[in-house]
């Protein structure tokens, strides 16, 4: 879907092949995309060492060495989770501090197999069939700039997600991060008859099982809407 018109009912959805769909109700479940650093190597090793979901892929790195990029609550949560599986967890943090809550900071700082690399950016990834190393730079752009490598088997991005809501700008209420705002306890949006399910309306959990549950709720909400608004 490239464009929608919620100004009148039936609603109109325009598809990228030119098709136009009319609907009495719409459920938006366009998801959210993980944010990446923008390195070409991320695509090269996608599925072969690079991941944006520790709870999805962490099991594959049991007893191995991994790195988590990010310094917020999500990064700390993922590092803590991976520390129970991996032999060693590096946290690559571009600032000289963690942005996470104090409780999360204390948690990761108290785990023996987590090493936090402050003031550090990733500039490259390398390996043959699978990821084996990360190229890093510490204190980039300063007189004490330092380039070094770490040996890793997994590289986890934990710098947030971007909701796929560009086509909805100005047509439905979004929060300051672009996620669809839903009414408490329902999947209803700011437009009557339009519902939202999954990661596109969930800045907190970002899990398939949560998205599936909200999809069921949206289907029930849409069914009730149609039953109560017979045309």
Protein backbone atom coordinates (compact mmCIF):
# COMPACT_ATOMS: atom_id res chain seq x y z
CA UNK A 1 0.00 0.00 0.00
CA UNK A 2 1.44 3.35 -1.05
CA UNK A 3 -1.40 5.68 -0.07
CA UNK A 4 -4.70 5.71 1.83
CA UNK A 5 -7.71 7.98 2.02
CA UNK A 6 -9.63 7.86 5.29
CA UNK A 7 -11.65 11.05 4.64
CA UNK A 8 -14.74 9.18 3.46
CA UNK A 9 -16.22 5.71 3.78
CA UNK A 10 -15.62 3.39 2.07
CA UNK A 11 -11.95 3.95 2.70
CA UNK A 12 -9.52 3.82 -0.21
CA UNK A 13 -6.16 2.05 -0.31
CA UNK A 14 -3.86 2.44 -3.31
CA UNK A 15 -1.49 -0.41 -4.14
CA UNK A 16 1.91 -0.02 -5.81
CA UNK A 17 0.72 -1.93 -8.90
CA UNK A 18 -2.00 0.67 -9.50
CA UNK A 19 -4.84 -1.30 -7.93
CA UNK A 20 -7.34 0.67 -5.83
CA UNK A 21 -9.12 -1.15 -3.00
CA UNK A 22 -12.26 0.13 -1.26
CA UNK A 23 -13.02 -1.08 2.25
CA UNK A 24 -15.53 -0.42 5.02
CA UNK A 25 -12.83 -1.06 7.61
CA UNK A 26 -9.06 -1.35 7.51
CA UNK A 27 -6.53 -3.08 9.78
CA UNK A 28 -3.03 -1.63 9.51
CA UNK A 29 -0.28 -4.14 10.30
CA UNK A 30 2.65 -2.83 8.26
CA UNK A 31 5.17 -3.61 10.99
CA UNK A 32 8.38 -1.89 12.04
CA UNK A 33 11.86 -2.20 10.57
CA UNK A 34 14.95 -2.54 12.73
CA UNK A 35 17.39 0.34 12.50
CA UNK A 36 20.81 -0.55 11.12
CA UNK A 37 24.12 1.27 11.15
CA UNK A 38 24.20 1.55 7.36
CA UNK A 39 27.29 -0.61 6.81
CA UNK A 40 27.41 -2.67 3.62
CA UNK A 41 28.73 -5.55 5.72
CA UNK A 42 25.46 -5.71 7.64
CA UNK A 43 23.69 -6.93 4.49
CA UNK A 44 26.56 -9.26 3.62
CA UNK A 45 26.30 -11.09 6.95
CA UNK A 46 22.54 -10.84 7.47
CA UNK A 47 21.42 -14.24 8.71
CA UNK A 48 25.06 -15.30 8.95
CA UNK A 49 25.99 -13.45 12.13
CA UNK A 50 24.07 -10.17 11.97
CA UNK A 51 20.69 -10.00 13.70
CA UNK A 52 18.29 -7.40 15.08
CA UNK A 53 16.57 -9.75 17.54
CA UNK A 54 18.42 -11.41 20.42
CA UNK A 55 15.38 -13.31 21.63
CA UNK A 56 14.85 -14.68 18.10
CA UNK A 57 18.42 -15.71 17.32
CA UNK A 58 20.30 -15.80 20.62
CA UNK A 59 19.99 -19.58 20.92
CA UNK A 60 22.31 -20.04 17.92
CA UNK A 61 25.15 -18.36 19.82
CA UNK A 62 25.19 -20.52 22.92
CA UNK A 63 28.76 -20.67 24.24
CA UNK A 64 30.01 -18.20 21.61
CA UNK A 65 31.10 -14.54 21.58
CA UNK A 66 28.68 -11.83 20.48
CA UNK A 67 28.40 -8.04 20.36
CA UNK A 68 25.39 -5.82 21.00
CA UNK A 69 25.28 -2.33 19.48
CA UNK A 70 23.47 0.31 21.51
CA UNK A 71 23.37 1.93 24.90
CA UNK A 72 19.67 2.18 25.74
CA UNK A 73 17.30 -0.05 27.67
CA UNK A 74 16.77 -2.36 24.70
CA UNK A 75 20.51 -2.90 24.25
CA UNK A 76 20.95 -3.61 27.95
CA UNK A 77 18.04 -6.06 27.94
CA UNK A 78 19.43 -7.87 24.91
CA UNK A 79 22.94 -7.98 26.37
CA UNK A 80 21.58 -9.38 29.65
CA UNK A 81 19.60 -12.02 27.79
CA UNK A 82 22.56 -13.03 25.61
CA UNK A 83 24.87 -13.18 28.63
CA UNK A 84 22.88 -16.22 29.81
CA UNK A 85 23.67 -18.00 26.55
CA UNK A 86 26.94 -16.66 25.16
CA UNK A 87 30.44 -17.07 26.52
CA UNK A 88 31.18 -13.37 26.10
CA UNK A 89 29.08 -10.31 25.28
CA UNK A 90 30.53 -6.99 24.11
CA UNK A 91 28.37 -3.88 24.27
CA UNK A 92 29.45 -1.33 21.66
CA UNK A 93 28.39 2.10 22.89
CA UNK A 94 29.19 5.24 20.88
CA UNK A 95 28.84 7.57 23.87
CA UNK A 96 30.83 7.58 27.10
CA UNK A 97 27.77 6.47 29.07
CA UNK A 98 24.71 4.23 28.84
CA UNK A 99 21.39 5.91 28.04
CA UNK A 100 19.50 3.12 29.78
CA UNK A 101 17.74 3.49 33.11
CA UNK A 102 19.92 3.27 36.20
CA UNK A 103 18.49 -0.14 37.03
CA UNK A 104 19.44 -1.50 33.59
CA UNK A 105 22.90 0.07 33.83
CA UNK A 106 23.50 -1.61 37.16
CA UNK A 107 22.33 -4.93 35.77
CA UNK A 108 24.72 -5.09 32.82
CA UNK A 109 27.62 -3.63 34.79
CA UNK A 110 27.17 -6.42 37.32
CA UNK A 111 27.32 -9.30 34.80
CA UNK A 112 30.81 -10.76 34.59
CA UNK A 113 30.76 -11.84 30.93
CA UNK A 114 29.57 -8.45 29.61
CA UNK A 115 32.26 -5.98 28.56
CA UNK A 116 31.14 -2.44 27.68
CA UNK A 117 33.18 -0.64 25.03
CA UNK A 118 32.43 3.07 25.49
CA UNK A 119 33.19 5.81 22.93
CA UNK A 120 33.27 3.13 20.26
CA UNK A 121 31.79 2.86 16.76
CA UNK A 122 31.63 -0.09 14.39
CA UNK A 123 33.21 0.63 11.01
CA UNK A 124 33.22 -2.85 9.47
CA UNK A 125 32.44 -6.55 9.78
CA UNK A 126 34.40 -9.40 8.28
CA UNK A 127 34.51 -13.15 7.91
CA UNK A 128 34.30 -15.81 5.23
CA UNK A 129 31.05 -17.76 5.16
CA UNK A 130 29.97 -16.39 8.53
CA UNK A 131 30.83 -13.38 10.66
CA UNK A 132 34.13 -13.63 12.53
CA UNK A 133 35.32 -10.10 13.37
CA UNK A 134 34.15 -6.54 13.91
CA UNK A 135 36.34 -3.55 13.07
CA UNK A 136 35.93 -0.79 15.64
CA UNK A 137 37.19 2.71 16.26
CA UNK A 138 37.41 4.30 19.68
CA UNK A 139 37.42 8.09 20.20
CA UNK A 140 36.80 8.68 16.48
CA UNK A 141 37.92 12.05 15.17
CA UNK A 142 40.14 12.85 18.15
CA UNK A 143 43.88 12.84 18.71
CA UNK A 144 43.62 9.54 20.56
CA UNK A 145 41.58 7.78 17.86
CA UNK A 146 42.18 4.04 18.10
CA UNK A 147 41.32 1.31 15.58
CA UNK A 148 41.03 -2.30 16.73
CA UNK A 149 39.20 -5.58 16.06
CA UNK A 150 37.24 -7.98 18.21
CA UNK A 151 36.56 -11.64 17.46
CA UNK A 152 32.81 -12.31 17.44
CA UNK A 153 30.35 -14.86 16.12
CA UNK A 154 27.24 -12.70 16.37
CA UNK A 155 26.47 -8.99 15.94
CA UNK A 156 23.14 -7.76 17.33
CA UNK A 157 21.65 -4.37 16.48
CA UNK A 158 19.72 -2.83 19.39
CA UNK A 159 19.36 0.79 18.33
CA UNK A 160 15.60 0.78 17.90
CA UNK A 161 12.93 0.17 15.29
CA UNK A 162 11.33 2.46 12.73
CA UNK A 163 7.58 1.90 12.19
CA UNK A 164 6.51 1.52 8.58
CA UNK A 165 4.04 4.41 8.66
CA UNK A 166 5.39 6.85 6.06
CA UNK A 167 2.26 6.42 3.93
CA UNK A 168 0.09 7.38 6.92
CA UNK A 169 1.63 10.77 7.72
CA UNK A 170 -1.09 13.36 8.36
CA UNK A 171 -3.87 10.77 7.97
CA UNK A 172 -3.90 9.11 11.38
CA UNK A 173 -2.52 9.91 14.83
CA UNK A 174 1.10 8.83 15.28
CA UNK A 175 3.33 9.25 18.32
CA UNK A 176 6.60 11.17 18.27
CA UNK A 177 8.44 8.07 16.99
CA UNK A 178 5.95 7.39 14.20
CA UNK A 179 4.08 4.49 15.83
CA UNK A 180 0.28 4.42 15.44
CA UNK A 181 -1.54 5.55 18.57
CA UNK A 182 -4.32 3.18 19.67
CA UNK A 183 -7.01 3.70 22.29
CA UNK A 184 -6.38 1.99 25.62
CA UNK A 185 -7.34 -1.67 25.63
CA UNK A 186 -8.31 -1.77 21.95
CA UNK A 187 -6.76 -1.66 18.50
CA UNK A 188 -8.85 1.39 17.54
CA UNK A 189 -7.00 4.35 16.04
CA UNK A 190 -7.87 8.03 15.76
CA UNK A 191 -9.95 7.22 12.66
CA UNK A 192 -13.18 5.39 13.37
CA UNK A 193 -13.17 2.08 11.54
CA UNK A 194 -9.40 1.91 11.17
CA UNK A 195 -7.51 -0.47 13.45
CA UNK A 196 -3.81 -1.19 14.01
CA UNK A 197 -2.08 -4.42 15.00
CA UNK A 198 1.45 -5.62 15.56
CA UNK A 199 4.74 -3.76 15.69
CA UNK A 200 3.39 -0.74 13.80
CA UNK A 201 1.49 0.18 16.97
CA UNK A 202 3.87 -1.34 19.53
CA UNK A 203 7.03 0.57 20.48
CA UNK A 204 7.63 -1.62 23.54
CA UNK A 205 7.55 -5.38 22.93
CA UNK A 206 8.28 -6.02 19.24
CA UNK A 207 7.65 -9.76 19.47
CA UNK A 208 5.82 -12.01 17.00
CA UNK A 209 3.61 -13.60 19.66
CA UNK A 210 2.49 -10.16 20.88
CA UNK A 211 1.80 -9.05 17.31
CA UNK A 212 -0.23 -12.19 16.63
CA UNK A 213 -2.35 -11.55 19.71
CA UNK A 214 -3.01 -7.95 18.70
CA UNK A 215 -3.93 -9.17 15.21
CA UNK A 216 -6.66 -11.32 16.75
CA UNK A 217 -7.88 -8.31 18.76
CA UNK A 218 -7.94 -6.14 15.63
CA UNK A 219 -9.96 -8.75 13.72
CA UNK A 220 -12.53 -8.86 16.53
CA UNK A 221 -12.65 -5.06 16.76
CA UNK A 222 -13.14 -4.79 12.99
CA UNK A 223 -15.87 -7.43 13.00
CA UNK A 224 -17.76 -5.59 15.74
CA UNK A 225 -17.38 -2.31 13.88
CA UNK A 226 -18.88 -3.78 10.70
CA UNK A 227 -21.73 -5.38 12.67
CA UNK A 228 -22.56 -2.04 14.28
CA UNK A 229 -22.23 0.06 11.10
CA UNK A 230 -24.25 -1.76 8.47
CA UNK A 231 -24.28 0.27 5.24
